[in-house]
N, C-alpha and C. Protein backbone atom coordinates (compact mmCIF):
# COMPACT_ATOMS: atom_id res chain seq x y z
N MET A 1 0.82 -1.19 0.00
CA MET A 1 0.00 0.00 0.00
C MET A 1 0.87 1.26 0.00
N LEU A 2 1.87 1.30 0.88
CA LEU A 2 2.77 2.45 0.94
C LEU A 2 3.49 2.62 -0.39
N GLU A 3 3.95 1.50 -0.95
CA GLU A 3 4.69 1.56 -2.21
C GLU A 3 3.85 2.19 -3.32
N GLU A 4 2.56 1.81 -3.38
CA GLU A 4 1.69 2.37 -4.41
C GLU A 4 1.49 3.88 -4.21
N GLN A 5 1.33 4.28 -2.96
CA GLN A 5 1.13 5.69 -2.67
C GLN A 5 2.39 6.50 -2.99
N LEU A 6 3.56 5.92 -2.71
CA LEU A 6 4.81 6.62 -3.04
C LEU A 6 4.99 6.72 -4.55
N LEU A 7 4.62 5.66 -5.28
CA LEU A 7 4.71 5.72 -6.75
C LEU A 7 3.78 6.79 -7.31
N GLU A 8 2.59 6.87 -6.77
CA GLU A 8 1.65 7.91 -7.20
C GLU A 8 2.20 9.30 -6.88
N LEU A 9 2.79 9.45 -5.74
CA LEU A 9 3.38 10.73 -5.34
C LEU A 9 4.54 11.09 -6.27
N GLU A 10 5.36 10.09 -6.62
CA GLU A 10 6.45 10.34 -7.57
C GLU A 10 5.92 10.85 -8.90
N LYS A 11 4.83 10.24 -9.37
CA LYS A 11 4.22 10.68 -10.63
C LYS A 11 3.74 12.12 -10.53
N GLN A 12 3.11 12.46 -9.41
CA GLN A 12 2.64 13.83 -9.21
C GLN A 12 3.81 14.81 -9.19
N LEU A 13 4.90 14.41 -8.57
CA LEU A 13 6.08 15.28 -8.49
C LEU A 13 6.68 15.51 -9.87
N GLN A 14 6.63 14.51 -10.71
CA GLN A 14 7.19 14.63 -12.06
C GLN A 14 6.28 15.43 -12.99
N ASP A 15 5.01 15.52 -12.65
CA ASP A 15 4.05 16.27 -13.45
C ASP A 15 4.24 17.76 -13.17
N SER A 16 4.66 18.48 -14.18
CA SER A 16 4.98 19.89 -13.99
C SER A 16 3.74 20.74 -13.70
N THR A 17 2.55 20.21 -13.96
CA THR A 17 1.34 21.00 -13.71
C THR A 17 0.81 20.84 -12.29
N ALA A 18 1.31 19.85 -11.56
CA ALA A 18 0.84 19.62 -10.19
C ALA A 18 1.46 20.65 -9.25
N SER A 19 0.63 21.27 -8.43
CA SER A 19 1.16 22.27 -7.48
C SER A 19 1.64 21.57 -6.21
N ALA A 20 2.58 22.20 -5.55
CA ALA A 20 3.12 21.64 -4.31
C ALA A 20 2.03 21.50 -3.25
N GLY A 21 1.13 22.48 -3.20
CA GLY A 21 0.04 22.42 -2.23
C GLY A 21 -0.84 21.21 -2.45
N SER A 22 -1.19 20.94 -3.70
CA SER A 22 -2.04 19.77 -3.98
C SER A 22 -1.29 18.46 -3.75
N ILE A 23 0.00 18.47 -4.01
CA ILE A 23 0.80 17.28 -3.75
C ILE A 23 0.82 16.98 -2.25
N MET A 24 1.06 18.01 -1.44
CA MET A 24 1.11 17.80 0.01
C MET A 24 -0.26 17.40 0.55
N GLU A 25 -1.32 17.95 -0.01
CA GLU A 25 -2.67 17.59 0.44
C GLU A 25 -3.03 16.16 0.07
N SER A 26 -2.44 15.64 -1.00
CA SER A 26 -2.77 14.29 -1.45
C SER A 26 -2.16 13.21 -0.55
N ILE A 27 -1.23 13.59 0.30
CA ILE A 27 -0.60 12.62 1.20
C ILE A 27 -1.59 12.29 2.31
N ASN A 28 -2.04 11.04 2.32
CA ASN A 28 -3.03 10.61 3.28
C ASN A 28 -2.62 9.25 3.85
N ILE A 29 -1.65 9.26 4.70
CA ILE A 29 -1.09 8.04 5.29
C ILE A 29 -1.06 8.21 6.79
N LYS A 30 -1.37 7.13 7.51
CA LYS A 30 -1.32 7.18 8.98
C LYS A 30 0.09 6.85 9.45
N TRP A 31 0.51 7.55 10.48
CA TRP A 31 1.85 7.38 11.03
C TRP A 31 1.94 6.12 11.88
N SER A 32 3.06 5.42 11.76
CA SER A 32 3.37 4.28 12.62
C SER A 32 4.88 4.12 12.66
N SER A 33 5.37 3.40 13.64
CA SER A 33 6.83 3.20 13.72
C SER A 33 7.32 2.38 12.53
N ASN A 34 6.49 1.48 12.03
CA ASN A 34 6.85 0.69 10.85
C ASN A 34 6.97 1.59 9.62
N LEU A 35 6.04 2.54 9.50
CA LEU A 35 6.10 3.49 8.39
C LEU A 35 7.38 4.32 8.48
N LYS A 36 7.72 4.75 9.68
CA LYS A 36 8.94 5.55 9.88
C LYS A 36 10.16 4.78 9.38
N LYS A 37 10.26 3.50 9.73
CA LYS A 37 11.39 2.69 9.29
C LYS A 37 11.45 2.57 7.77
N LYS A 38 10.28 2.36 7.16
CA LYS A 38 10.25 2.22 5.71
C LYS A 38 10.66 3.52 5.01
N LEU A 39 10.14 4.64 5.49
CA LEU A 39 10.50 5.94 4.89
C LEU A 39 11.98 6.22 5.07
N GLU A 40 12.48 6.02 6.29
CA GLU A 40 13.90 6.28 6.55
C GLU A 40 14.79 5.38 5.73
N ASN A 41 14.41 4.11 5.59
CA ASN A 41 15.23 3.20 4.78
C ASN A 41 15.29 3.63 3.33
N GLN A 42 14.18 4.10 2.80
CA GLN A 42 14.19 4.56 1.41
C GLN A 42 15.01 5.84 1.26
N ILE A 43 14.89 6.76 2.21
CA ILE A 43 15.66 8.00 2.15
C ILE A 43 17.15 7.71 2.28
N LYS A 44 17.51 6.76 3.15
CA LYS A 44 18.93 6.42 3.35
C LYS A 44 19.60 5.92 2.09
N LYS A 45 18.83 5.42 1.15
CA LYS A 45 19.39 4.87 -0.08
C LYS A 45 19.58 5.93 -1.17
N PHE A 46 19.60 7.19 -0.78
CA PHE A 46 19.67 8.27 -1.78
C PHE A 46 20.89 8.17 -2.67
N LYS A 47 22.00 7.69 -2.14
CA LYS A 47 23.22 7.60 -2.95
C LYS A 47 23.12 6.54 -4.03
N ASP A 48 22.20 5.59 -3.85
CA ASP A 48 22.01 4.53 -4.84
C ASP A 48 21.08 4.94 -5.97
N CYS A 49 20.38 6.06 -5.81
CA CYS A 49 19.44 6.53 -6.84
C CYS A 49 20.19 7.20 -7.98
N ALA A 50 19.64 7.06 -9.15
CA ALA A 50 20.20 7.76 -10.30
C ALA A 50 20.04 9.26 -10.05
N GLU A 51 21.00 10.03 -10.51
CA GLU A 51 21.00 11.47 -10.24
C GLU A 51 19.72 12.16 -10.70
N GLY A 52 19.18 11.78 -11.82
CA GLY A 52 17.99 12.43 -12.33
C GLY A 52 16.70 11.99 -11.67
N ASN A 53 16.75 10.96 -10.83
CA ASN A 53 15.55 10.42 -10.22
C ASN A 53 15.43 10.85 -8.76
N ILE A 54 15.35 12.15 -8.55
CA ILE A 54 15.24 12.65 -7.18
C ILE A 54 13.88 12.34 -6.58
N TYR A 55 12.90 12.07 -7.43
CA TYR A 55 11.54 11.85 -6.95
C TYR A 55 11.41 10.58 -6.12
N HIS A 56 12.30 9.62 -6.35
CA HIS A 56 12.30 8.38 -5.57
C HIS A 56 12.71 8.66 -4.12
N ILE A 57 13.43 9.74 -3.90
CA ILE A 57 13.81 10.16 -2.54
C ILE A 57 12.87 11.25 -2.04
N LEU A 58 12.49 12.15 -2.91
CA LEU A 58 11.63 13.26 -2.52
C LEU A 58 10.25 12.79 -2.05
N ALA A 59 9.70 11.77 -2.69
CA ALA A 59 8.36 11.28 -2.31
C ALA A 59 8.31 10.81 -0.85
N PRO A 60 9.20 9.89 -0.43
CA PRO A 60 9.13 9.50 0.99
C PRO A 60 9.50 10.64 1.93
N LEU A 61 10.39 11.52 1.48
CA LEU A 61 10.75 12.66 2.31
C LEU A 61 9.53 13.55 2.56
N LEU A 62 8.74 13.80 1.54
CA LEU A 62 7.55 14.64 1.71
C LEU A 62 6.51 13.99 2.61
N VAL A 63 6.37 12.68 2.52
CA VAL A 63 5.46 11.98 3.43
C VAL A 63 5.95 12.15 4.86
N TYR A 64 7.24 11.96 5.06
CA TYR A 64 7.85 12.10 6.39
C TYR A 64 7.66 13.54 6.90
N ILE A 65 7.90 14.51 6.04
CA ILE A 65 7.74 15.92 6.45
C ILE A 65 6.29 16.21 6.82
N LYS A 66 5.36 15.72 6.00
CA LYS A 66 3.95 15.99 6.30
C LYS A 66 3.54 15.40 7.64
N LEU A 67 4.05 14.24 7.96
CA LEU A 67 3.64 13.55 9.18
C LEU A 67 4.46 13.94 10.41
N LYS A 68 5.74 14.27 10.22
CA LYS A 68 6.60 14.54 11.38
C LYS A 68 7.41 15.82 11.29
N GLY A 69 7.24 16.60 10.25
CA GLY A 69 7.86 17.92 10.15
C GLY A 69 9.36 17.95 10.34
N ASP A 70 9.78 18.65 11.38
CA ASP A 70 11.21 18.86 11.63
C ASP A 70 12.00 17.57 11.76
N GLU A 71 11.38 16.56 12.31
CA GLU A 71 12.07 15.27 12.49
C GLU A 71 12.60 14.75 11.16
N ALA A 72 11.84 14.93 10.09
CA ALA A 72 12.25 14.48 8.76
C ALA A 72 13.48 15.24 8.27
N ILE A 73 13.47 16.56 8.44
CA ILE A 73 14.60 17.38 8.00
C ILE A 73 15.85 17.03 8.82
N ILE A 74 15.68 16.88 10.11
CA ILE A 74 16.81 16.53 10.98
C ILE A 74 17.39 15.17 10.60
N PHE A 75 16.51 14.21 10.31
CA PHE A 75 16.97 12.88 9.87
C PHE A 75 17.82 13.01 8.61
N CYS A 76 17.34 13.77 7.63
CA CYS A 76 18.07 13.94 6.37
C CYS A 76 19.40 14.66 6.57
N ARG A 77 19.41 15.62 7.47
CA ARG A 77 20.65 16.32 7.77
C ARG A 77 21.67 15.37 8.35
N LYS A 78 21.24 14.52 9.28
CA LYS A 78 22.15 13.57 9.92
C LYS A 78 22.67 12.53 8.93
N ARG A 79 21.86 12.16 7.97
CA ARG A 79 22.24 11.14 6.99
C ARG A 79 23.04 11.70 5.83
N GLY A 80 23.18 13.01 5.75
CA GLY A 80 24.00 13.61 4.70
C GLY A 80 23.29 13.90 3.40
N LEU A 81 21.96 13.80 3.39
CA LEU A 81 21.22 14.05 2.16
C LEU A 81 21.46 15.47 1.64
N PHE A 82 21.63 16.43 2.53
CA PHE A 82 21.83 17.81 2.12
C PHE A 82 23.31 18.19 2.04
N GLY A 83 24.18 17.20 2.13
CA GLY A 83 25.61 17.46 2.11
C GLY A 83 26.13 17.66 0.69
N TYR A 84 26.79 18.76 0.47
CA TYR A 84 27.36 19.04 -0.85
C TYR A 84 28.58 18.17 -1.12
N TYR A 85 29.14 17.59 -0.10
CA TYR A 85 30.36 16.81 -0.22
C TYR A 85 30.11 15.42 -0.78
N ASN A 86 28.86 14.96 -0.79
CA ASN A 86 28.63 13.58 -1.22
C ASN A 86 28.64 13.47 -2.74
N GLU A 87 28.78 12.24 -3.20
CA GLU A 87 28.90 11.96 -4.63
C GLU A 87 27.57 12.12 -5.36
N TRP A 88 26.49 12.05 -4.64
CA TRP A 88 25.17 12.07 -5.27
C TRP A 88 24.83 13.47 -5.74
N GLY A 89 24.35 13.60 -6.94
CA GLY A 89 24.08 14.92 -7.52
C GLY A 89 22.69 15.47 -7.30
N GLY A 90 21.83 14.75 -6.59
CA GLY A 90 20.46 15.20 -6.42
C GLY A 90 20.24 16.17 -5.27
N THR A 91 21.26 16.45 -4.51
CA THR A 91 21.14 17.33 -3.34
C THR A 91 20.57 18.69 -3.71
N VAL A 92 21.12 19.32 -4.72
CA VAL A 92 20.68 20.66 -5.10
C VAL A 92 19.24 20.63 -5.58
N GLU A 93 18.87 19.61 -6.35
CA GLU A 93 17.50 19.53 -6.85
C GLU A 93 16.49 19.36 -5.71
N ILE A 94 16.82 18.54 -4.75
CA ILE A 94 15.92 18.34 -3.60
C ILE A 94 15.83 19.63 -2.79
N LEU A 95 16.97 20.26 -2.52
CA LEU A 95 16.95 21.52 -1.80
C LEU A 95 16.15 22.58 -2.55
N LYS A 96 16.28 22.60 -3.87
CA LYS A 96 15.54 23.58 -4.67
C LYS A 96 14.03 23.35 -4.51
N TRP A 97 13.59 22.10 -4.60
CA TRP A 97 12.16 21.81 -4.46
C TRP A 97 11.67 22.21 -3.07
N LEU A 98 12.42 21.85 -2.05
CA LEU A 98 12.01 22.18 -0.68
C LEU A 98 12.01 23.69 -0.46
N TYR A 99 13.02 24.37 -1.01
CA TYR A 99 13.13 25.83 -0.86
C TYR A 99 11.97 26.54 -1.56
N GLU A 100 11.71 26.16 -2.80
CA GLU A 100 10.67 26.83 -3.58
C GLU A 100 9.26 26.55 -3.05
N ASN A 101 9.09 25.46 -2.32
CA ASN A 101 7.77 25.07 -1.84
C ASN A 101 7.70 25.01 -0.32
N SER A 102 8.59 25.72 0.33
CA SER A 102 8.68 25.63 1.79
C SER A 102 7.40 26.08 2.51
N ARG A 103 6.62 26.95 1.88
CA ARG A 103 5.39 27.41 2.54
C ARG A 103 4.37 26.30 2.69
N PHE A 104 4.51 25.22 1.93
CA PHE A 104 3.58 24.09 2.02
C PHE A 104 4.06 23.01 2.98
N LEU A 105 5.26 23.18 3.52
CA LEU A 105 5.85 22.16 4.39
C LEU A 105 5.54 22.45 5.85
N THR A 106 5.29 21.41 6.60
CA THR A 106 4.99 21.56 8.03
C THR A 106 6.28 21.47 8.83
N ILE A 107 7.11 22.50 8.68
CA ILE A 107 8.38 22.54 9.39
C ILE A 107 8.51 23.89 10.09
N SER A 108 9.40 23.93 11.07
CA SER A 108 9.61 25.16 11.83
C SER A 108 10.41 26.17 11.02
N ASP A 109 10.41 27.39 11.49
CA ASP A 109 11.20 28.44 10.84
C ASP A 109 12.68 28.11 10.87
N LEU A 110 13.13 27.46 11.92
CA LEU A 110 14.53 27.07 12.03
C LEU A 110 14.92 26.15 10.88
N GLN A 111 14.11 25.13 10.61
CA GLN A 111 14.41 24.20 9.51
C GLN A 111 14.20 24.86 8.15
N ARG A 112 13.22 25.73 8.06
CA ARG A 112 12.97 26.47 6.81
C ARG A 112 14.18 27.36 6.50
N ASN A 113 14.73 28.01 7.52
CA ASN A 113 15.93 28.83 7.33
C ASN A 113 17.13 27.98 6.94
N TYR A 114 17.24 26.80 7.53
CA TYR A 114 18.33 25.90 7.17
C TYR A 114 18.26 25.57 5.68
N ILE A 115 17.08 25.18 5.21
CA ILE A 115 16.90 24.83 3.80
C ILE A 115 17.23 26.03 2.91
N SER A 116 16.76 27.19 3.30
CA SER A 116 17.01 28.41 2.54
C SER A 116 18.50 28.71 2.45
N HIS A 117 19.19 28.67 3.58
CA HIS A 117 20.63 28.96 3.59
C HIS A 117 21.39 27.90 2.80
N LYS A 118 21.03 26.65 3.00
CA LYS A 118 21.73 25.56 2.32
C LYS A 118 21.55 25.70 0.80
N TYR A 119 20.35 26.02 0.37
CA TYR A 119 20.11 26.18 -1.07
C TYR A 119 20.82 27.42 -1.61
N ASN A 120 20.76 28.51 -0.90
CA ASN A 120 21.38 29.75 -1.37
C ASN A 120 22.90 29.69 -1.41
N PHE A 121 23.50 28.79 -0.65
CA PHE A 121 24.95 28.66 -0.65
C PHE A 121 25.42 27.48 -1.48
N ARG A 122 24.62 27.09 -2.46
CA ARG A 122 24.97 25.95 -3.30
C ARG A 122 26.21 26.21 -4.15
N SER A 123 26.60 27.46 -4.27
CA SER A 123 27.78 27.78 -5.06
C SER A 123 29.06 27.23 -4.44
N VAL A 124 29.00 26.81 -3.19
CA VAL A 124 30.19 26.26 -2.55
C VAL A 124 30.47 24.82 -2.97
N ILE A 125 29.60 24.24 -3.77
CA ILE A 125 29.80 22.86 -4.22
C ILE A 125 31.15 22.73 -4.93
N ALA A 126 31.44 23.64 -5.82
CA ALA A 126 32.71 23.59 -6.55
C ALA A 126 33.88 23.70 -5.59
N PHE A 127 33.75 24.56 -4.59
CA PHE A 127 34.81 24.71 -3.59
C PHE A 127 35.05 23.40 -2.85
N TYR A 128 33.96 22.76 -2.40
CA TYR A 128 34.10 21.47 -1.71
C TYR A 128 34.78 20.44 -2.59
N SER A 129 34.38 20.38 -3.84
CA SER A 129 34.96 19.41 -4.77
C SER A 129 36.45 19.67 -4.97
N ASP A 130 36.82 20.93 -5.15
CA ASP A 130 38.23 21.28 -5.33
C ASP A 130 39.04 20.93 -4.09
N CYS A 131 38.52 21.24 -2.92
CA CYS A 131 39.22 20.93 -1.67
C CYS A 131 39.40 19.43 -1.51
N GLU A 132 38.36 18.69 -1.82
CA GLU A 132 38.41 17.24 -1.69
C GLU A 132 39.46 16.65 -2.62
N GLU A 133 39.52 17.13 -3.86
CA GLU A 133 40.52 16.67 -4.80
C GLU A 133 41.93 16.96 -4.30
N THR A 134 42.11 18.16 -3.77
CA THR A 134 43.42 18.56 -3.24
C THR A 134 43.84 17.64 -2.09
N VAL A 135 42.93 17.35 -1.20
CA VAL A 135 43.23 16.50 -0.05
C VAL A 135 43.57 15.09 -0.51
N TYR A 136 42.83 14.55 -1.49
CA TYR A 136 43.08 13.20 -1.97
C TYR A 136 44.43 13.09 -2.69
N ARG A 137 44.89 14.18 -3.29
CA ARG A 137 46.19 14.16 -3.99
C ARG A 137 47.34 14.02 -3.00
N PHE A 138 47.15 14.46 -1.78
CA PHE A 138 48.23 14.37 -0.79
C PHE A 138 48.15 13.04 -0.16
């Protein structure tokens, strides 16, 4: 059941005519500890996703955000989803979606500011990459 709902959510996210508000309203899932584990396990696999398929990570993230708000953002921060240093290229795209649609998310101003700052400082990606290359050469 969860898998079907996440697939439907992924389709809505890929549809350029769907609004963020309607997408968030369409999430109708009851919270349980089992659901939390399933969502977190799918989000944890972000590095295994193809770079262009951010929706496979964004869909469970949005369900988590709708049901638990800040807890979802904190989980992603701890797991490195928003880290510019990681090899996965979907970080900026996910941050962009969250930033542009933050008014529809059930998160605190603190987490909203984090997303805003993280997205606005995306230009440091090249700096991180250059530093990492330099360190690996030594």
